[in-house]
Structures are given as C-alpha cells and as structure tokens.
C-alpha cells in the first residue's frame, strides 16, 4: 500500500511534537512481512520496509494504532552507534503511516 511515513523517534528517543512537524514525510510502498527462519517457525518476527528503501528496515514490528487511514507501527531499527565510530546499534522506533491508497 502507498503511504507517507514520519519517524516518531530518533535514535531511541521520542521526538517532540514540534520536531515531528518539521519532518518531511517519506512516501513509498509499505510492506509488512514475516521473514521465515530456516525452521519455518510461525512466530518468526515481522519486518516493515518502505520501497524504494528510504528508511532503515523496522524489525520486530507491532501494530500500535490503526484508525481510518492512520497507522502507527513500532519496532527496532539499526543505526550508527554514537559512542563508536565504526559500530552500529539498535534503537526503538515508531512510524506514523498515512495510507494514501
């Protein structure tokens, strides 16, 4: 489905309302899928992507809110580690998605 996405968190910290208003939404095709493990376990984690790939994949996705055309997803994203120059870490992330079609 075609959506516009605004990231509600930045590096594991919730953004203020004023900061969120300054962000330009990312537009793309939202896919939420289960990536099967080699054992085909049904409770394998869900992943969300925006294509073309404009945002880091959202892992361990949970649906937090859905009303009309508004959806909020939460999960974990990978990103650079602020304390290490060549490391990466995981951050909590929430996406607000507005369904366009």
PDB file of N, CA and C in Angstrom:
ATOM      1  N   UNK A   1       0.836  -1.169   0.000  1.00  0.00           N
ATOM      2  CA  UNK A   1       0.000   0.000   0.000  1.00  0.00           C
ATOM      3  C   UNK A   1       0.883   1.236   0.000  1.00  0.00           C
ATOM      4  N   UNK A   2       0.423   2.279  -0.679  1.00  0.00           N
ATOM      5  CA  UNK A   2       1.158   3.528  -0.760  1.00  0.00           C
ATOM      6  C   UNK A   2       0.913   4.333   0.518  1.00  0.00           C
ATOM      7  N   UNK A   3       1.992   4.772   1.168  1.00  0.00           N
ATOM      8  CA  UNK A   3       1.876   5.507   2.433  1.00  0.00           C
ATOM      9  C   UNK A   3       2.860   6.672   2.472  1.00  0.00           C
ATOM     10  N   UNK A   4       2.597   7.577   3.386  1.00  0.00           N
ATOM     11  CA  UNK A   4       3.580   8.583   3.796  1.00  0.00           C
ATOM     12  C   UNK A   4       3.939   8.249   5.234  1.00  0.00           C
ATOM     13  N   UNK A   5       5.237   8.228   5.534  1.00  0.00           N
ATOM     14  CA  UNK A   5       5.717   7.814   6.849  1.00  0.00           C
ATOM     15  C   UNK A   5       6.503   8.945   7.499  1.00  0.00           C
ATOM     16  N   UNK A   6       6.242   9.151   8.781  1.00  0.00           N
ATOM     17  CA  UNK A   6       7.036  10.069   9.602  1.00  0.00           C
ATOM     18  C   UNK A   6       7.589   9.257  10.757  1.00  0.00           C
ATOM     19  N   UNK A   7       8.905   9.326  10.957  1.00  0.00           N
ATOM     20  CA  UNK A   7       9.523   8.643  12.093  1.00  0.00           C
ATOM     21  C   UNK A   7       9.235   9.451  13.356  1.00  0.00           C
ATOM     22  N   UNK A   8       8.660   8.789  14.351  1.00  0.00           N
ATOM     23  CA  UNK A   8       8.268   9.472  15.584  1.00  0.00           C
ATOM     24  C   UNK A   8       9.380   9.489  16.632  1.00  0.00           C
ATOM     25  N   UNK A   9      10.414   8.703  16.415  1.00  0.00           N
ATOM     26  CA  UNK A   9      11.537   8.627  17.345  1.00  0.00           C
ATOM     27  C   UNK A   9      12.832   8.871  16.576  1.00  0.00           C
ATOM     28  N   UNK A  10      13.883   9.285  17.272  1.00  0.00           N
ATOM     29  CA  UNK A  10      15.204   9.451  16.672  1.00  0.00           C
ATOM     30  C   UNK A  10      16.240   8.849  17.617  1.00  0.00           C
ATOM     31  N   UNK A  11      16.918   7.831  17.140  1.00  0.00           N
ATOM     32  CA  UNK A  11      17.947   7.114  17.906  1.00  0.00           C
ATOM     33  C   UNK A  11      17.459   6.721  19.295  1.00  0.00           C
ATOM     34  N   UNK A  12      16.258   6.155  19.337  1.00  0.00           N
ATOM     35  CA  UNK A  12      15.716   5.620  20.575  1.00  0.00           C
ATOM     36  C   UNK A  12      15.041   6.621  21.487  1.00  0.00           C
ATOM     37  N   UNK A  13      14.916   7.865  21.041  1.00  0.00           N
ATOM     38  CA  UNK A  13      14.276   8.898  21.861  1.00  0.00           C
ATOM     39  C   UNK A  13      13.098   9.493  21.111  1.00  0.00           C
ATOM     40  N   UNK A  14      11.991   9.642  21.835  1.00  0.00           N
ATOM     41  CA  UNK A  14      10.771  10.189  21.254  1.00  0.00           C
ATOM     42  C   UNK A  14      10.993  11.644  20.848  1.00  0.00           C
ATOM     43  N   UNK A  15      10.596  11.984  19.622  1.00  0.00           N
ATOM     44  CA  UNK A  15      10.712  13.360  19.144  1.00  0.00           C
ATOM     45  C   UNK A  15       9.569  14.206  19.686  1.00  0.00           C
ATOM     46  N   UNK A  16       9.854  15.469  19.911  1.00  0.00           N
ATOM     47  CA  UNK A  16       8.808  16.384  20.373  1.00  0.00           C
ATOM     48  C   UNK A  16       7.825  16.645  19.227  1.00  0.00           C
ATOM     49  N   UNK A  17       6.673  17.126  19.572  1.00  0.00           N
ATOM     50  CA  UNK A  17       5.649  17.432  18.570  1.00  0.00           C
ATOM     51  C   UNK A  17       6.175  18.460  17.561  1.00  0.00           C
ATOM     52  N   UNK A  18       6.898  19.465  18.055  1.00  0.00           N
ATOM     53  CA  UNK A  18       7.451  20.492  17.181  1.00  0.00           C
ATOM     54  C   UNK A  18       8.470  19.898  16.213  1.00  0.00           C
ATOM     55  N   UNK A  19       9.319  18.995  16.699  1.00  0.00           N
ATOM     56  CA  UNK A  19      10.321  18.355  15.841  1.00  0.00           C
ATOM     57  C   UNK A  19       9.655  17.483  14.781  1.00  0.00           C
ATOM     58  N   UNK A  20       8.598  16.779  15.139  1.00  0.00           N
ATOM     59  CA  UNK A  20       7.889  15.929  14.174  1.00  0.00           C
ATOM     60  C   UNK A  20       7.242  16.753  13.071  1.00  0.00           C
ATOM     61  N   UNK A  21       6.741  17.924  13.417  1.00  0.00           N
ATOM     62  CA  UNK A  21       6.102  18.788  12.422  1.00  0.00           C
ATOM     63  C   UNK A  21       7.101  19.285  11.376  1.00  0.00           C
ATOM     64  N   UNK A  22       8.372  19.361  11.737  1.00  0.00           N
ATOM     65  CA  UNK A  22       9.412  19.829  10.821  1.00  0.00           C
ATOM     66  C   UNK A  22       9.847  18.768   9.819  1.00  0.00           C
ATOM     67  N   UNK A  23       9.532  17.496  10.096  1.00  0.00           N
ATOM     68  CA  UNK A  23       9.982  16.401   9.240  1.00  0.00           C
ATOM     69  C   UNK A  23       9.156  16.300   7.973  1.00  0.00           C
ATOM     70  N   UNK A  24       9.829  16.023   6.876  1.00  0.00           N
ATOM     71  CA  UNK A  24       9.144  15.780   5.613  1.00  0.00           C
ATOM     72  C   UNK A  24       8.799  14.295   5.551  1.00  0.00           C
ATOM     73  N   UNK A  25       7.531  13.950   5.294  1.00  0.00           N
ATOM     74  CA  UNK A  25       7.158  12.533   5.219  1.00  0.00           C
ATOM     75  C   UNK A  25       7.876  11.816   4.078  1.00  0.00           C
ATOM     76  N   UNK A  26       8.165  10.552   4.299  1.00  0.00           N
ATOM     77  CA  UNK A  26       8.751   9.694   3.273  1.00  0.00           C
ATOM     78  C   UNK A  26       7.607   8.950   2.604  1.00  0.00           C
ATOM     79  N   UNK A  27       7.550   9.001   1.285  1.00  0.00           N
ATOM     80  CA  UNK A  27       6.467   8.349   0.545  1.00  0.00           C
ATOM     81  C   UNK A  27       6.996   7.095  -0.140  1.00  0.00           C
ATOM     82  N   UNK A  28       6.227   6.015  -0.020  1.00  0.00           N
ATOM     83  CA  UNK A  28       6.618   4.776  -0.683  1.00  0.00           C
ATOM     84  C   UNK A  28       5.628   3.666  -0.407  1.00  0.00           C
ATOM     85  N   UNK A  29       5.960   2.486  -0.904  1.00  0.00           N
ATOM     86  CA  UNK A  29       5.128   1.288  -0.717  1.00  0.00           C
ATOM     87  C   UNK A  29       5.511   0.626   0.606  1.00  0.00           C
ATOM     88  N   UNK A  30       4.552   0.487   1.487  1.00  0.00           N
ATOM     89  CA  UNK A  30       4.777  -0.170   2.770  1.00  0.00           C
ATOM     90  C   UNK A  30       4.525  -1.660   2.619  1.00  0.00           C
ATOM     91  N   UNK A  31       5.486  -2.448   3.051  1.00  0.00           N
ATOM     92  CA  UNK A  31       5.290  -3.897   3.116  1.00  0.00           C
ATOM     93  C   UNK A  31       5.614  -4.347   4.528  1.00  0.00           C
ATOM     94  N   UNK A  32       4.747  -5.158   5.077  1.00  0.00           N
ATOM     95  CA  UNK A  32       4.978  -5.778   6.377  1.00  0.00           C
ATOM     96  C   UNK A  32       4.917  -7.270   6.122  1.00  0.00           C
ATOM     97  N   UNK A  33       6.002  -7.955   6.456  1.00  0.00           N
ATOM     98  CA  UNK A  33       6.066  -9.377   6.151  1.00  0.00           C
ATOM     99  C   UNK A  33       6.790 -10.144   7.234  1.00  0.00           C
ATOM    100  N   UNK A  34       6.483 -11.406   7.284  1.00  0.00           N
ATOM    101  CA  UNK A  34       7.160 -12.310   8.199  1.00  0.00           C
ATOM    102  C   UNK A  34       8.315 -12.929   7.435  1.00  0.00           C
ATOM    103  N   UNK A  35       9.498 -12.812   7.955  1.00  0.00           N
ATOM    104  CA  UNK A  35      10.655 -13.435   7.322  1.00  0.00           C
ATOM    105  C   UNK A  35      10.905 -14.753   8.018  1.00  0.00           C
ATOM    106  N   UNK A  36      10.653 -15.802   7.292  1.00  0.00           N
ATOM    107  CA  UNK A  36      10.722 -17.146   7.853  1.00  0.00           C
ATOM    108  C   UNK A  36      12.154 -17.536   8.179  1.00  0.00           C
ATOM    109  N   UNK A  37      12.308 -18.204   9.276  1.00  0.00           N
ATOM    110  CA  UNK A  37      13.610 -18.751   9.635  1.00  0.00           C
ATOM    111  C   UNK A  37      13.800 -20.043   8.866  1.00  0.00           C
ATOM    112  N   UNK A  38      14.965 -20.635   8.996  1.00  0.00           N
ATOM    113  CA  UNK A  38      15.223 -21.886   8.289  1.00  0.00           C
ATOM    114  C   UNK A  38      14.338 -23.011   8.815  1.00  0.00           C
ATOM    115  N   UNK A  39      13.708 -22.792   9.963  1.00  0.00           N
ATOM    116  CA  UNK A  39      12.844 -23.819  10.538  1.00  0.00           C
ATOM    117  C   UNK A  39      11.365 -23.539  10.263  1.00  0.00           C
ATOM    118  N   UNK A  40      11.057 -22.462   9.527  1.00  0.00           N
ATOM    119  CA  UNK A  40       9.678 -22.085   9.216  1.00  0.00           C
ATOM    120  C   UNK A  40       8.808 -21.951  10.465  1.00  0.00           C
ATOM    121  N   UNK A  41       9.323 -21.305  11.464  1.00  0.00           N
ATOM    122  CA  UNK A  41       8.585 -21.094  12.704  1.00  0.00           C
ATOM    123  C   UNK A  41       7.551 -20.001  12.479  1.00  0.00           C
ATOM    124  N   UNK A  42       6.300 -20.276  12.826  1.00  0.00           N
ATOM    125  CA  UNK A  42       5.217 -19.326  12.572  1.00  0.00           C
ATOM    126  C   UNK A  42       5.343 -18.039  13.370  1.00  0.00           C
ATOM    127  N   UNK A  43       6.032 -18.063  14.486  1.00  0.00           N
ATOM    128  CA  UNK A  43       6.146 -16.844  15.281  1.00  0.00           C
ATOM    129  C   UNK A  43       7.431 -16.084  14.964  1.00  0.00           C
ATOM    130  N   UNK A  44       7.987 -16.315  13.771  1.00  0.00           N
ATOM    131  CA  UNK A  44       9.159 -15.539  13.338  1.00  0.00           C
ATOM    132  C   UNK A  44       8.776 -14.051  13.335  1.00  0.00           C
ATOM    133  N   UNK A  45       9.732 -13.169  13.572  1.00  0.00           N
ATOM    134  CA  UNK A  45       9.408 -11.742  13.683  1.00  0.00           C
ATOM    135  C   UNK A  45       8.920 -11.127  12.370  1.00  0.00           C
ATOM    136  N   UNK A  46       8.145 -10.046  12.511  1.00  0.00           N
ATOM    137  CA  UNK A  46       7.661  -9.280  11.366  1.00  0.00           C
ATOM    138  C   UNK A  46       8.625  -8.137  11.073  1.00  0.00           C
ATOM    139  N   UNK A  47       8.709  -7.783   9.793  1.00  0.00           N
ATOM    140  CA  UNK A  47       9.565  -6.687   9.348  1.00  0.00           C
ATOM    141  C   UNK A  47       8.735  -5.746   8.485  1.00  0.00           C
ATOM    142  N   UNK A  48       9.052  -4.443   8.536  1.00  0.00           N
ATOM    143  CA  UNK A  48       8.376  -3.451   7.699  1.00  0.00           C
ATOM    144  C   UNK A  48       9.423  -2.686   6.900  1.00  0.00           C
ATOM    145  N   UNK A  49       9.125  -2.481   5.626  1.00  0.00           N
ATOM    146  CA  UNK A  49      10.001  -1.721   4.734  1.00  0.00           C
ATOM    147  C   UNK A  49       9.183  -0.714   3.960  1.00  0.00           C
ATOM    148  N   UNK A  50       9.848   0.360   3.559  1.00  0.00           N
ATOM    149  CA  UNK A  50       9.273   1.355   2.667  1.00  0.00           C
ATOM    150  C   UNK A  50      10.073   1.284   1.382  1.00  0.00           C
ATOM    151  N   UNK A  51       9.403   0.962   0.278  1.00  0.00           N
ATOM    152  CA  UNK A  51      10.098   0.867  -1.012  1.00  0.00           C
ATOM    153  C   UNK A  51       9.714   2.056  -1.868  1.00  0.00           C
ATOM    154  N   UNK A  52      10.646   2.695  -2.556  1.00  0.00           N
ATOM    155  CA  UNK A  52      12.060   2.337  -2.544  1.00  0.00           C
ATOM    156  C   UNK A  52      12.647   2.538  -1.155  1.00  0.00           C
ATOM    157  N   UNK A  53      13.683   1.790  -0.842  1.00  0.00           N
ATOM    158  CA  UNK A  53      14.242   1.752   0.520  1.00  0.00           C
ATOM    159  C   UNK A  53      14.780   3.120   0.924  1.00  0.00           C
ATOM    160  N   UNK A  54      13.947   3.873   1.616  1.00  0.00           N
ATOM    161  CA  UNK A  54      14.314   5.212   2.057  1.00  0.00           C
ATOM    162  C   UNK A  54      14.546   5.276   3.563  1.00  0.00           C
ATOM    163  N   UNK A  55      14.040   4.281   4.274  1.00  0.00           N
ATOM    164  CA  UNK A  55      14.215   4.207   5.725  1.00  0.00           C
ATOM    165  C   UNK A  55      14.811   2.843   6.061  1.00  0.00           C
ATOM    166  N   UNK A  56      15.532   2.791   7.144  1.00  0.00           N
ATOM    167  CA  UNK A  56      16.063   1.516   7.621  1.00  0.00           C
ATOM    168  C   UNK A  56      14.897   0.586   7.959  1.00  0.00           C
ATOM    169  N   UNK A  57      15.053  -0.694   7.677  1.00  0.00           N
ATOM    170  CA  UNK A  57      14.011  -1.681   7.961  1.00  0.00           C
ATOM    171  C   UNK A  57      13.601  -1.626   9.428  1.00  0.00           C
ATOM    172  N   UNK A  58      12.304  -1.722   9.673  1.00  0.00           N
ATOM    173  CA  UNK A  58      11.761  -1.771  11.030  1.00  0.00           C
ATOM    174  C   UNK A  58      11.562  -3.243  11.392  1.00  0.00           C
ATOM    175  N   UNK A  59      12.281  -3.702  12.401  1.00  0.00           N
ATOM    176  CA  UNK A  59      12.263  -5.113  12.801  1.00  0.00           C
ATOM    177  C   UNK A  59      11.369  -5.303  14.029  1.00  0.00           C
ATOM    178  N   UNK A  60      10.897  -6.517  14.227  1.00  0.00           N
ATOM    179  CA  UNK A  60      10.049  -6.868  15.368  1.00  0.00           C
ATOM    180  C   UNK A  60       8.835  -5.934  15.449  1.00  0.00           C
ATOM    181  N   UNK A  61       8.175  -5.773  14.322  1.00  0.00           N
ATOM    182  CA  UNK A  61       7.081  -4.809  14.164  1.00  0.00           C
ATOM    183  C   UNK A  61       5.865  -5.194  14.997  1.00  0.00           C
ATOM    184  N   UNK A  62       5.263  -4.164  15.598  1.00  0.00           N
ATOM    185  CA  UNK A  62       3.989  -4.304  16.312  1.00  0.00           C
ATOM    186  C   UNK A  62       3.061  -3.194  15.844  1.00  0.00           C
ATOM    187  N   UNK A  63       1.807  -3.542  15.634  1.00  0.00           N
ATOM    188  CA  UNK A  63       0.794  -2.555  15.296  1.00  0.00           C
ATOM    189  C   UNK A  63       0.338  -1.896  16.587  1.00  0.00           C
ATOM    190  N   UNK A  64       0.532  -0.589  16.710  1.00  0.00           N
ATOM    191  CA  UNK A  64       0.176   0.132  17.935  1.00  0.00           C
ATOM    192  C   UNK A  64      -1.171   0.839  17.836  1.00  0.00           C
ATOM    193  N   UNK A  65      -1.515   1.283  16.617  1.00  0.00           N
ATOM    194  CA  UNK A  65      -2.733   2.091  16.446  1.00  0.00           C
ATOM    195  C   UNK A  65      -3.161   2.006  14.991  1.00  0.00           C
ATOM    196  N   UNK A  66      -4.457   1.921  14.765  1.00  0.00           N
ATOM    197  CA  UNK A  66      -4.990   1.960  13.406  1.00  0.00           C
ATOM    198  C   UNK A  66      -6.384   2.543  13.462  1.00  0.00           C
ATOM    199  N   UNK A  67      -6.556   3.681  12.836  1.00  0.00           N
ATOM    200  CA  UNK A  67      -7.878   4.308  12.758  1.00  0.00           C
ATOM    201  C   UNK A  67      -7.959   5.004  11.404  1.00  0.00           C
ATOM    202  N   UNK A  68      -8.916   4.558  10.599  1.00  0.00           N
ATOM    203  CA  UNK A  68      -9.067   5.141   9.265  1.00  0.00           C
ATOM    204  C   UNK A  68      -7.814   4.919   8.433  1.00  0.00           C
ATOM    205  N   UNK A  69      -7.229   6.012   7.972  1.00  0.00           N
ATOM    206  CA  UNK A  69      -6.015   5.948   7.150  1.00  0.00           C
ATOM    207  C   UNK A  69      -4.737   6.149   7.957  1.00  0.00           C
ATOM    208  N   UNK A  70      -4.832   6.173   9.266  1.00  0.00           N
ATOM    209  CA  UNK A  70      -3.674   6.390  10.129  1.00  0.00           C
ATOM    210  C   UNK A  70      -3.273   5.105  10.834  1.00  0.00           C
ATOM    211  N   UNK A  71      -2.003   4.761  10.710  1.00  0.00           N
ATOM    212  CA  UNK A  71      -1.457   3.557  11.319  1.00  0.00           C
ATOM    213  C   UNK A  71      -0.165   3.939  12.030  1.00  0.00           C
ATOM    214  N   UNK A  72       0.029   3.408  13.234  1.00  0.00           N
ATOM    215  CA  UNK A  72       1.292   3.591  13.946  1.00  0.00           C
ATOM    216  C   UNK A  72       1.895   2.215  14.188  1.00  0.00           C
ATOM    217  N   UNK A  73       3.146   2.054  13.726  1.00  0.00           N
ATOM    218  CA  UNK A  73       3.897   0.818  13.915  1.00  0.00           C
ATOM    219  C   UNK A  73       5.083   1.097  14.821  1.00  0.00           C
ATOM    220  N   UNK A  74       5.446   0.133  15.642  1.00  0.00           N
ATOM    221  CA  UNK A  74       6.651   0.273  16.455  1.00  0.00           C
ATOM    222  C   UNK A  74       7.548  -0.919  16.183  1.00  0.00           C
ATOM    223  N   UNK A  75       8.811  -0.760  16.523  1.00  0.00           N
ATOM    224  CA  UNK A  75       9.767  -1.843  16.329  1.00  0.00           C
ATOM    225  C   UNK A  75      11.168  -1.368  16.663  1.00  0.00           C
ATOM    226  N   UNK A  76      12.128  -2.018  16.060  1.00  0.00           N
ATOM    227  CA  UNK A  76      13.544  -1.728  16.302  1.00  0.00           C
ATOM    228  C   UNK A  76      14.211  -1.457  14.960  1.00  0.00           C
ATOM    229  N   UNK A  77      15.043  -0.412  14.911  1.00  0.00           N
ATOM    230  CA  UNK A  77      15.832  -0.100  13.724  1.00  0.00           C
ATOM    231  C   UNK A  77      17.307  -0.155  14.070  1.00  0.00           C
ATOM    232  N   UNK A  78      18.117  -0.474  13.076  1.00  0.00           N
ATOM    233  CA  UNK A  78      19.567  -0.413  13.256  1.00  0.00           C
ATOM    234  C   UNK A  78      20.056   0.949  12.810  1.00  0.00           C
ATOM    235  N   UNK A  79      21.095   1.436  13.460  1.00  0.00           N
ATOM    236  CA  UNK A  79      21.677   2.714  13.088  1.00  0.00           C
ATOM    237  C   UNK A  79      23.069   2.844  13.652  1.00  0.00           C
ATOM    238  N   UNK A  80      23.768   3.928  13.289  1.00  0.00           N
ATOM    239  CA  UNK A  80      25.134   4.118  13.783  1.00  0.00           C
ATOM    240  C   UNK A  80      25.158   4.309  15.292  1.00  0.00           C
ATOM    241  N   UNK A  81      26.185   3.777  15.915  1.00  0.00           N
ATOM    242  CA  UNK A  81      26.365   3.920  17.359  1.00  0.00           C
ATOM    243  C   UNK A  81      27.091   5.230  17.621  1.00  0.00           C
ATOM    244  N   UNK A  82      26.479   6.115  18.363  1.00  0.00           N
ATOM    245  CA  UNK A  82      27.057   7.437  18.630  1.00  0.00           C
ATOM    246  C   UNK A  82      28.359   7.343  19.409  1.00  0.00           C
ATOM    247  N   UNK A  83      28.546   6.285  20.179  1.00  0.00           N
ATOM    248  CA  UNK A  83      29.740   6.159  21.012  1.00  0.00           C
ATOM    249  C   UNK A  83      30.911   5.506  20.290  1.00  0.00           C
ATOM    250  N   UNK A  84      30.623   4.742  19.233  1.00  0.00           N
ATOM    251  CA  UNK A  84      31.687   4.078  18.477  1.00  0.00           C
ATOM    252  C   UNK A  84      31.629   4.540  17.031  1.00  0.00           C
ATOM    253  N   UNK A  85      32.784   4.880  16.467  1.00  0.00           N
ATOM    254  CA  UNK A  85      32.806   5.394  15.097  1.00  0.00           C
ATOM    255  C   UNK A  85      32.398   4.347  14.074  1.00  0.00           C
ATOM    256  N   UNK A  86      32.787   3.100  14.290  1.00  0.00           N
ATOM    257  CA  UNK A  86      32.532   2.066  13.296  1.00  0.00           C
ATOM    258  C   UNK A  86      31.545   1.025  13.784  1.00  0.00           C
ATOM    259  N   UNK A  87      30.706   1.366  14.713  1.00  0.00           N
ATOM    260  CA  UNK A  87      29.759   0.392  15.234  1.00  0.00           C
ATOM    261  C   UNK A  87      28.337   0.745  14.871  1.00  0.00           C
ATOM    262  N   UNK A  88      27.471  -0.192  15.109  1.00  0.00           N
ATOM    263  CA  UNK A  88      26.061   0.075  14.924  1.00  0.00           C
ATOM    264  C   UNK A  88      25.304  -0.518  16.101  1.00  0.00           C
ATOM    265  N   UNK A  89      24.162   0.059  16.362  1.00  0.00           N
ATOM    266  CA  UNK A  89      23.353  -0.368  17.487  1.00  0.00           C
ATOM    267  C   UNK A  89      21.891  -0.427  17.053  1.00  0.00           C
ATOM    268  N   UNK A  90      21.031  -0.843  17.944  1.00  0.00           N
ATOM    269  CA  UNK A  90      19.605  -0.898  17.649  1.00  0.00           C
ATOM    270  C   UNK A  90      18.879   0.138  18.486  1.00  0.00           C
ATOM    271  N   UNK A  91      17.895   0.769  17.845  1.00  0.00           N
ATOM    272  CA  UNK A  91      17.104   1.797  18.503  1.00  0.00           C
ATOM    273  C   UNK A  91      15.627   1.448  18.412  1.00  0.00           C
ATOM    274  N   UNK A  92      14.882   1.828  19.439  1.00  0.00           N
ATOM    275  CA  UNK A  92      13.431   1.732  19.351  1.00  0.00           C
ATOM    276  C   UNK A  92      12.959   2.777  18.343  1.00  0.00           C
ATOM    277  N   UNK A  93      11.961   2.420  17.551  1.00  0.00           N
ATOM    278  CA  UNK A  93      11.445   3.342  16.539  1.00  0.00           C
ATOM    279  C   UNK A  93       9.935   3.164  16.407  1.00  0.00           C
ATOM    280  N   UNK A  94       9.256   4.249  16.188  1.00  0.00           N
ATOM    281  CA  UNK A  94       7.816   4.244  15.902  1.00  0.00           C
ATOM    282  C   UNK A  94       7.631   4.991  14.594  1.00  0.00           C
ATOM    283  N   UNK A  95       6.775   4.451  13.722  1.00  0.00           N
ATOM    284  CA  UNK A  95       6.418   5.112  12.465  1.00  0.00           C
ATOM    285  C   UNK A  95       4.947   5.477  12.491  1.00  0.00           C
ATOM    286  N   UNK A  96       4.639   6.701  12.102  1.00  0.00           N
ATOM    287  CA  UNK A  96       3.255   7.082  11.832  1.00  0.00           C
ATOM    288  C   UNK A  96       3.095   6.989  10.316  1.00  0.00           C
ATOM    289  N   UNK A  97       2.130   6.209   9.873  1.00  0.00           N
ATOM    290  CA  UNK A  97       1.894   5.990   8.447  1.00  0.00           C
ATOM    291  C   UNK A  97       0.509   6.502   8.091  1.00  0.00           C
ATOM    292  N   UNK A  98       0.455   7.279   7.040  1.00  0.00           N
ATOM    293  CA  UNK A  98      -0.821   7.742   6.498  1.00  0.00           C
ATOM    294  C   UNK A  98      -1.032   7.014   5.182  1.00  0.00           C
ATOM    295  N   UNK A  99      -2.085   6.200   5.115  1.00  0.00           N
ATOM    296  CA  UNK A  99      -2.359   5.395   3.933  1.00  0.00           C
ATOM    297  C   UNK A  99      -2.918   6.304   2.831  1.00  0.00           C
ATOM    298  N   UNK A 100      -2.269   6.271   1.667  1.00  0.00           N
ATOM    299  CA  UNK A 100      -2.703   7.076   0.534  1.00  0.00           C
ATOM    300  C   UNK A 100      -3.547   6.257  -0.433  1.00  0.00           C
ATOM    301  N   UNK A 101      -3.209   4.991  -0.603  1.00  0.00           N
ATOM    302  CA  UNK A 101      -4.005   4.093  -1.469  1.00  0.00           C
ATOM    303  C   UNK A 101      -3.679   2.649  -1.172  1.00  0.00           C
TER     304      UNK A 101
END
